[in-house]
Amino acid sequence: MKRLIWLGLLAALPGSVLAADESMARRADPWVPPAARIRSTEPPTEGAALQAQVAAKLRQRFDAADSGRYGSITRDQAQRAGLGFVSRHFDQIDARRSGSISFDELQRYLARRDAER
């Protein structure tokens, strides 16, 4: 109980790291009124730049799932890494039926899927 009181007092101090973190958390909270939220000064990313950002993030997550650094992942690795879309569509992505997929196979599947829409 004493510990919680001390943390509360520390958070209330001006310039406190805890106070800054709490302030940022409140401003990012969806229940904070829009007028009180921190707005980005940069315009939103669009088009090719947005696609490049998405591809880079997907590549990062894919590489993180590839724990053995083989250049491919299995369905289980995709599930453990939180790549739900990849694990749900694994059979369609794994055109060679090898039991693992490379990032290139994933990109080809996504391109085919976009072309079909």
C-alpha atoms as a PDB file:
ATOM      1  CA  MET A   1       0.000   0.000   0.000  1.00  0.00           C
ATOM      2  CA  LYS A   2       2.809   2.401   0.892  1.00  0.00           C
ATOM      3  CA  ARG A   3       4.462   1.619  -2.420  1.00  0.00           C
ATOM      4  CA  LEU A   4       1.337   2.680  -4.354  1.00  0.00           C
ATOM      5  CA  ILE A   5       1.152   5.925  -2.409  1.00  0.00           C
ATOM      6  CA  TRP A   6       4.798   6.708  -3.187  1.00  0.00           C
ATOM      7  CA  LEU A   7       4.305   5.946  -6.888  1.00  0.00           C
ATOM      8  CA  GLY A   8       1.275   8.237  -6.923  1.00  0.00           C
ATOM      9  CA  LEU A   9       3.276  11.019  -5.297  1.00  0.00           C
ATOM     10  CA  LEU A  10       6.166  10.551  -7.731  1.00  0.00           C
ATOM     11  CA  ALA A  11       3.810  10.690 -10.697  1.00  0.00           C
ATOM     12  CA  ALA A  12       2.325  13.942  -9.445  1.00  0.00           C
ATOM     13  CA  LEU A  13       5.674  15.742  -9.274  1.00  0.00           C
ATOM     14  CA  PRO A  14       6.182  18.232 -12.117  1.00  0.00           C
ATOM     15  CA  GLY A  15       8.833  17.047 -14.548  1.00  0.00           C
ATOM     16  CA  SER A  16       8.641  13.511 -13.231  1.00  0.00           C
ATOM     17  CA  VAL A  17       9.258  10.746 -15.739  1.00  0.00           C
ATOM     18  CA  LEU A  18       6.180   8.993 -14.388  1.00  0.00           C
ATOM     19  CA  ALA A  19       4.130  12.166 -14.801  1.00  0.00           C
ATOM     20  CA  ALA A  20       5.254  12.518 -18.419  1.00  0.00           C
ATOM     21  CA  ASP A  21       4.461   8.869 -19.186  1.00  0.00           C
ATOM     22  CA  GLU A  22       1.035   9.159 -17.574  1.00  0.00           C
ATOM     23  CA  SER A  23       0.306  12.349 -19.484  1.00  0.00           C
ATOM     24  CA  MET A  24       1.246  10.709 -22.776  1.00  0.00           C
ATOM     25  CA  ALA A  25      -0.857   7.648 -21.993  1.00  0.00           C
ATOM     26  CA  ARG A  26      -3.900   9.790 -21.243  1.00  0.00           C
ATOM     27  CA  ARG A  27      -3.499  11.712 -24.470  1.00  0.00           C
ATOM     28  CA  ALA A  28      -3.273   8.495 -26.498  1.00  0.00           C
ATOM     29  CA  ASP A  29      -6.299   7.016 -24.726  1.00  0.00           C
ATOM     30  CA  PRO A  30      -9.329   6.761 -27.062  1.00  0.00           C
ATOM     31  CA  TRP A  31     -11.543   8.160 -24.291  1.00  0.00           C
ATOM     32  CA  VAL A  32      -9.624  11.441 -24.209  1.00  0.00           C
ATOM     33  CA  PRO A  33     -11.599  14.124 -26.055  1.00  0.00           C
ATOM     34  CA  PRO A  34     -10.176  14.839 -29.542  1.00  0.00           C
ATOM     35  CA  ALA A  35      -9.296  18.419 -28.584  1.00  0.00           C
ATOM     36  CA  ALA A  36      -6.967  17.156 -25.825  1.00  0.00           C
ATOM     37  CA  ARG A  37      -5.091  14.662 -28.001  1.00  0.00           C
ATOM     38  CA  ILE A  38      -1.623  15.298 -29.356  1.00  0.00           C
ATOM     39  CA  ARG A  39      -1.760  15.734 -33.112  1.00  0.00           C
ATOM     40  CA  SER A  40       1.030  14.890 -35.500  1.00  0.00           C
ATOM     41  CA  THR A  41       2.491  17.788 -37.411  1.00  0.00           C
ATOM     42  CA  GLU A  42       3.361  15.523 -40.334  1.00  0.00           C
ATOM     43  CA  PRO A  43       0.849  14.762 -43.093  1.00  0.00           C
ATOM     44  CA  PRO A  44      -0.431  11.163 -43.175  1.00  0.00           C
ATOM     45  CA  THR A  45       1.577   8.732 -45.270  1.00  0.00           C
ATOM     46  CA  GLU A  46      -0.119   7.703 -48.516  1.00  0.00           C
ATOM     47  CA  GLY A  47       0.421   5.767 -51.730  1.00  0.00           C
ATOM     48  CA  ALA A  48       3.771   4.149 -52.449  1.00  0.00           C
ATOM     49  CA  ALA A  49       5.330   5.459 -49.221  1.00  0.00           C
ATOM     50  CA  LEU A  50       2.565   3.828 -47.167  1.00  0.00           C
ATOM     51  CA  GLN A  51       2.961   0.550 -49.067  1.00  0.00           C
ATOM     52  CA  ALA A  52       6.714   0.644 -48.410  1.00  0.00           C
ATOM     53  CA  GLN A  53       6.108   1.168 -44.683  1.00  0.00           C
ATOM     54  CA  VAL A  54       3.661  -1.734 -44.562  1.00  0.00           C
ATOM     55  CA  ALA A  55       6.071  -4.003 -46.461  1.00  0.00           C
ATOM     56  CA  ALA A  56       8.937  -3.052 -44.127  1.00  0.00           C
ATOM     57  CA  LYS A  57       6.861  -3.813 -41.015  1.00  0.00           C
ATOM     58  CA  LEU A  58       5.689  -7.116 -42.477  1.00  0.00           C
ATOM     59  CA  ARG A  59       9.303  -7.995 -43.324  1.00  0.00           C
ATOM     60  CA  GLN A  60      10.366  -7.214 -39.743  1.00  0.00           C
ATOM     61  CA  ARG A  61       7.658  -9.445 -38.291  1.00  0.00           C
ATOM     62  CA  PHE A  62       8.469 -12.210 -40.793  1.00  0.00           C
ATOM     63  CA  ASP A  63      12.180 -12.038 -39.947  1.00  0.00           C
ATOM     64  CA  ALA A  64      11.392 -12.102 -36.219  1.00  0.00           C
ATOM     65  CA  ALA A  65       9.293 -15.256 -36.768  1.00  0.00           C
ATOM     66  CA  ASP A  66      12.179 -16.868 -38.683  1.00  0.00           C
ATOM     67  CA  SER A  67      14.025 -17.844 -35.509  1.00  0.00           C
ATOM     68  CA  GLY A  68      16.386 -20.220 -37.318  1.00  0.00           C
ATOM     69  CA  ARG A  69      17.267 -17.606 -39.958  1.00  0.00           C
ATOM     70  CA  TYR A  70      16.463 -20.036 -42.775  1.00  0.00           C
ATOM     71  CA  GLY A  71      14.659 -17.440 -44.871  1.00  0.00           C
ATOM     72  CA  SER A  72      11.330 -19.198 -44.410  1.00  0.00           C
ATOM     73  CA  ILE A  73       8.765 -19.849 -41.695  1.00  0.00           C
ATOM     74  CA  THR A  74       6.325 -22.619 -40.884  1.00  0.00           C
ATOM     75  CA  ARG A  75       2.661 -22.239 -39.990  1.00  0.00           C
ATOM     76  CA  ASP A  76       3.512 -22.701 -36.289  1.00  0.00           C
ATOM     77  CA  GLN A  77       6.135 -19.965 -36.413  1.00  0.00           C
ATOM     78  CA  ALA A  78       3.639 -17.632 -38.081  1.00  0.00           C
ATOM     79  CA  GLN A  79       1.067 -18.357 -35.372  1.00  0.00           C
ATOM     80  CA  ARG A  80       3.567 -17.825 -32.543  1.00  0.00           C
ATOM     81  CA  ALA A  81       4.692 -14.537 -34.100  1.00  0.00           C
ATOM     82  CA  GLY A  82       1.125 -13.255 -34.257  1.00  0.00           C
ATOM     83  CA  LEU A  83       0.949 -13.376 -38.060  1.00  0.00           C
ATOM     84  CA  GLY A  84      -2.656 -14.541 -38.053  1.00  0.00           C
ATOM     85  CA  PHE A  85      -3.346 -13.694 -41.692  1.00  0.00           C
ATOM     86  CA  VAL A  86      -0.288 -15.687 -42.777  1.00  0.00           C
ATOM     87  CA  SER A  87      -1.192 -18.706 -40.654  1.00  0.00           C
ATOM     88  CA  ARG A  88      -4.840 -18.657 -41.817  1.00  0.00           C
ATOM     89  CA  HIS A  89      -3.846 -18.492 -45.508  1.00  0.00           C
ATOM     90  CA  PHE A  90      -0.725 -20.636 -45.180  1.00  0.00           C
ATOM     91  CA  ASP A  91      -1.881 -23.356 -47.581  1.00  0.00           C
ATOM     92  CA  GLN A  92      -2.629 -20.817 -50.326  1.00  0.00           C
ATOM     93  CA  ILE A  93       0.716 -19.048 -49.768  1.00  0.00           C
ATOM     94  CA  ASP A  94       2.701 -22.319 -49.744  1.00  0.00           C
ATOM     95  CA  ALA A  95       2.232 -23.045 -53.457  1.00  0.00           C
ATOM     96  CA  ARG A  96       5.157 -25.535 -53.462  1.00  0.00           C
ATOM     97  CA  ARG A  97       3.561 -27.495 -50.567  1.00  0.00           C
ATOM     98  CA  SER A  98       6.923 -27.529 -48.774  1.00  0.00           C
ATOM     99  CA  GLY A  99       5.553 -26.814 -45.305  1.00  0.00           C
ATOM    100  CA  SER A 100       7.329 -23.478 -45.086  1.00  0.00           C
ATOM    101  CA  ILE A 101       7.035 -20.164 -46.901  1.00  0.00           C
ATOM    102  CA  SER A 102       9.560 -17.510 -47.845  1.00  0.00           C
ATOM    103  CA  PHE A 103       8.916 -13.794 -47.739  1.00  0.00           C
ATOM    104  CA  ASP A 104       8.942 -13.778 -51.567  1.00  0.00           C
ATOM    105  CA  GLU A 105       6.146 -16.381 -51.602  1.00  0.00           C
ATOM    106  CA  LEU A 106       4.158 -14.236 -49.189  1.00  0.00           C
ATOM    107  CA  GLN A 107       4.615 -11.171 -51.407  1.00  0.00           C
ATOM    108  CA  ARG A 108       3.574 -13.120 -54.518  1.00  0.00           C
ATOM    109  CA  TYR A 109       0.436 -14.334 -52.732  1.00  0.00           C
ATOM    110  CA  LEU A 110      -0.443 -10.792 -51.637  1.00  0.00           C
ATOM    111  CA  ALA A 111       0.096  -9.496 -55.197  1.00  0.00           C
ATOM    112  CA  ARG A 112      -2.134 -12.274 -56.644  1.00  0.00           C
ATOM    113  CA  ARG A 113      -4.784 -11.536 -54.042  1.00  0.00           C
ATOM    114  CA  ASP A 114      -4.743  -7.807 -54.837  1.00  0.00           C
ATOM    115  CA  ALA A 115      -4.959  -8.535 -58.573  1.00  0.00           C
ATOM    116  CA  GLU A 116      -8.066 -10.677 -58.016  1.00  0.00           C
ATOM    117  CA  ARG A 117      -9.902  -7.854 -56.255  1.00  0.00           C
END
